[in-house]
Protein backbone atom coordinates (compact mmCIF):
# COMPACT_ATOMS: atom_id res chain seq x y z
CA MET A 1 -1.56 10.35 13.88
CA LYS A 2 -4.83 8.53 13.49
CA THR A 3 -5.36 5.76 16.07
CA ILE A 4 -7.68 2.89 15.18
CA ILE A 5 -8.75 0.28 17.75
CA VAL A 6 -10.09 -3.07 16.53
CA LYS A 7 -11.96 -5.00 19.25
CA ALA A 8 -12.77 -8.69 19.67
CA ASN A 9 -14.48 -10.31 16.65
CA GLU A 10 -14.44 -6.99 14.79
CA LYS A 11 -13.23 -6.58 11.21
CA LYS A 12 -12.18 -3.20 9.81
CA VAL A 13 -11.29 -2.22 6.27
CA ILE A 14 -9.25 0.98 5.93
CA PRO A 15 -8.84 2.28 2.37
CA ILE A 16 -6.74 5.40 1.80
CA LEU A 17 -6.14 7.34 -1.41
CA TRP A 18 -3.38 9.96 -1.56
CA ILE A 19 -3.36 12.28 -4.56
CA GLY A 20 -0.88 14.82 -3.29
CA LYS A 21 -2.71 16.98 -0.77
CA GLU A 22 -1.07 15.83 2.48
CA THR A 23 2.67 15.64 3.17
CA GLU A 24 2.36 13.27 6.15
CA LEU A 25 -0.05 10.50 7.01
CA SER A 26 0.26 8.32 10.08
CA TYR A 27 -1.88 5.39 11.24
CA ASP A 28 -1.60 3.49 14.52
CA ILE A 29 -3.79 0.36 14.44
CA LYS A 30 -4.26 -1.79 17.53
CA LEU A 31 -5.93 -5.20 17.39
CA THR A 32 -6.98 -5.47 21.03
CA GLY A 33 -9.44 -8.36 21.01
CA ALA A 34 -9.32 -12.01 20.00
CA ASN A 35 -10.35 -12.75 16.40
CA SER A 36 -10.07 -9.09 15.39
CA SER A 37 -9.00 -8.29 11.83
CA VAL A 38 -7.88 -5.30 9.77
CA ASP A 39 -7.31 -4.77 6.05
CA PHE A 40 -5.35 -1.57 5.30
CA MET A 41 -5.25 -0.63 1.61
CA GLY A 42 -3.21 2.37 0.52
CA LEU A 43 -3.07 3.81 -2.98
CA LEU A 44 -0.57 6.66 -3.40
CA LEU A 45 -0.57 8.64 -6.66
CA GLY A 46 2.01 11.43 -6.87
CA LYS A 47 3.04 13.93 -9.55
CA GLU A 48 4.95 17.20 -9.91
CA ASN A 49 6.75 18.00 -6.61
CA GLN A 50 4.28 16.22 -4.34
CA SER A 51 5.80 14.42 -1.37
CA LEU A 52 4.43 12.07 1.26
CA SER A 53 5.75 10.39 4.37
CA LEU A 54 3.42 7.51 5.29
CA SER A 55 3.69 5.62 8.58
CA VAL A 56 1.55 2.56 9.28
CA ARG A 57 1.92 0.76 12.61
CA VAL A 58 -0.11 -2.34 13.44
CA GLU A 59 0.04 -3.88 16.90
CA HIS A 60 -1.38 -7.32 17.63
CA LYS A 61 -2.36 -7.51 21.31
CA ALA A 62 -4.60 -10.60 21.36
CA ALA A 63 -4.77 -14.16 20.08
CA GLN A 64 -6.06 -15.14 16.63
CA THR A 65 -5.75 -11.64 15.16
CA LYS A 66 -5.19 -10.89 11.48
CA SER A 67 -3.79 -7.90 9.61
CA ASN A 68 -3.21 -7.32 5.94
CA VAL A 69 -1.43 -4.09 4.94
CA ILE A 70 -1.00 -3.51 1.20
CA ILE A 71 0.29 -0.20 -0.19
CA LYS A 72 0.78 0.56 -3.87
CA SER A 73 2.18 3.76 -5.29
CA ALA A 74 2.76 5.26 -8.75
CA LEU A 75 4.93 8.38 -8.96
CA THR A 76 5.81 10.67 -11.85
CA ASP A 77 7.71 13.95 -12.33
CA ASN A 78 9.57 14.82 -9.08
CA ALA A 79 7.11 13.12 -6.73
CA LYS A 80 8.49 11.38 -3.66
CA VAL A 81 7.02 8.81 -1.25
CA GLU A 82 8.51 7.30 1.89
CA ILE A 83 6.65 4.39 3.48
CA ASP A 84 7.47 3.16 6.97
CA GLY A 85 5.50 0.09 8.01
CA LEU A 86 5.76 -1.81 11.28
CA VAL A 87 3.80 -4.81 12.50
CA LYS A 88 4.34 -5.74 16.15
CA ILE A 89 3.11 -9.08 17.46
CA ASN A 90 3.01 -9.02 21.25
CA GLN A 91 3.58 -12.01 23.49
CA GLY A 92 0.30 -13.86 23.94
CA SER A 93 -0.89 -13.10 20.40
CA ILE A 94 -0.93 -16.80 19.53
CA GLY A 95 -2.28 -17.64 16.07
CA THR A 96 -1.71 -14.19 14.63
CA ASN A 97 -1.56 -13.96 10.83
CA THR A 98 -0.09 -10.84 9.25
CA TRP A 99 1.16 -9.57 5.89
CA LEU A 100 2.80 -6.20 5.16
CA ALA A 101 3.63 -5.13 1.59
CA ALA A 102 4.63 -1.89 -0.14
CA HIS A 103 5.11 -1.61 -3.92
CA ILE A 104 6.26 1.62 -5.60
CA LEU A 105 6.29 2.19 -9.36
CA LEU A 106 8.54 5.06 -10.51
CA LEU A 107 7.33 6.60 -13.78
CA SER A 108 10.08 9.18 -14.28
CA ASP A 109 13.82 9.44 -13.72
CA LYS A 110 13.34 12.01 -10.94
CA ALA A 111 10.54 10.29 -8.99
CA LYS A 112 11.74 8.70 -5.74
CA GLY A 113 10.33 6.00 -3.51
CA LYS A 114 11.50 4.36 -0.31
CA ALA A 115 9.76 1.59 1.59
CA ILE A 116 10.82 0.08 4.92
CA PRO A 117 8.67 -2.82 6.13
CA SER A 118 9.45 -4.12 9.63
CA LEU A 119 8.22 -6.97 11.78
CA GLU A 120 8.66 -7.12 15.56
CA ILE A 121 7.71 -10.61 16.72
CA LEU A 122 7.47 -11.46 20.42
CA GLU A 123 5.40 -14.66 20.05
CA ASN A 124 6.32 -18.01 18.50
CA ASP A 125 3.05 -19.48 17.23
CA ILE A 126 2.29 -16.97 14.46
CA LYS A 127 2.43 -16.46 10.71
CA ALA A 128 4.03 -13.23 9.44
CA GLY A 129 5.56 -11.91 6.25
CA HIS A 130 6.51 -8.75 4.43
CA ALA A 131 7.57 -7.60 0.97
CA THR A 132 8.65 -4.44 -0.77
CA THR A 133 9.47 -3.41 -4.32
CA VAL A 134 10.59 -0.12 -5.80
CA GLY A 135 11.19 0.02 -9.53
CA ARG A 136 10.45 1.31 -12.98
CA ILE A 137 8.45 -0.19 -15.83
CA ASN A 138 10.41 -3.00 -17.43
CA ASP A 139 11.51 -2.17 -21.02
CA LEU A 140 10.89 -5.79 -22.03
CA GLU A 141 7.24 -5.48 -20.99
CA ILE A 142 6.89 -2.33 -23.11
CA PHE A 143 8.63 -4.05 -26.04
CA TYR A 144 6.37 -7.10 -25.77
CA LEU A 145 3.18 -5.02 -25.81
CA MET A 146 4.48 -2.86 -28.68
CA SER A 147 5.29 -6.03 -30.66
CA ARG A 148 1.58 -6.86 -30.32
CA GLY A 149 0.60 -3.58 -31.98
CA LEU A 150 0.25 -1.15 -29.08
CA SER A 151 1.88 2.26 -29.12
CA HIS A 152 4.55 3.05 -26.49
CA LYS A 153 2.10 5.34 -24.67
CA LYS A 154 -0.72 2.78 -24.66
CA ALA A 155 1.64 -0.01 -23.51
CA LYS A 156 2.82 2.14 -20.60
CA GLU A 157 -0.77 3.04 -19.64
CA LEU A 158 -1.76 -0.62 -19.70
CA ILE A 159 1.12 -1.62 -17.42
CA ILE A 160 0.30 1.16 -14.94
CA GLN A 161 -3.40 0.20 -14.95
CA GLY A 162 -2.49 -3.44 -14.37
CA PHE A 163 -0.23 -2.52 -11.46
CA LEU A 164 -2.89 -0.38 -9.74
CA ARG A 165 -6.08 -2.23 -10.76
CA GLU A 166 -6.02 -4.75 -7.89
CA MET A 167 -6.09 -1.93 -5.35
CA ILE A 168 -8.64 0.22 -7.17
CA ASP A 169 -11.04 -2.72 -7.53
CA LYS A 170 -10.99 -3.34 -3.75
CA PHE A 171 -11.81 0.28 -2.88
CA PRO A 172 -15.34 1.49 -2.10
CA LEU A 173 -17.03 2.86 -5.23
CA LEU A 174 -16.59 6.57 -4.46
CA LEU A 175 -12.88 6.22 -3.67
CA SER A 176 -12.42 3.97 -6.71
CA LYS A 177 -13.91 6.65 -8.99
CA LYS A 178 -11.64 9.29 -7.44
CA ALA A 179 -8.59 7.09 -8.09
CA GLU A 180 -9.68 6.49 -11.70
CA ALA A 181 -10.09 10.24 -12.22
CA ALA A 182 -6.57 10.86 -10.87
CA LEU A 183 -5.18 8.26 -13.28
CA ASN A 184 -7.07 9.72 -16.25
CA ILE A 185 -5.47 13.14 -15.74
CA GLY A 186 -1.98 11.67 -15.67
CA LEU A 187 -1.78 11.01 -11.92
């Protein structure tokens, strides 16, 4: 487990790219000072029999803290991802603002994804939300793009790129290039 402490008036950006090497990743993020902020961006690209269990825990321990956890995943073949996210807002963390989201795109019938976002709220004056999606490419989207002259393969590639682009564009350049390379070789 990697523990990350964010102190008063500090802002941290944590980008992670998983391309199948690890089987477990765990992050414990603590916002310990007022006006501290963290942006956690996870991009998970799995193929073959790759499997990952990802745990992200964010604990707000001070007033006016902010966290934004966004995880996107694309899985093909027999790849599997399990995402467990928890944001805890302690008593006294007045004015906290948090968002936790996990989105998994399954690109084969055997790929599997599971996402469990959780909020533990012990303070009243806060703003918190979470979202999760697990699904396949919509056939209507493929049909629409094909009716505009794209091949099935190109339509699928375009949808995958659109799904992942937001995350890739926010990554530092080196990590962004690594993600692009993983996509170009079929995840």
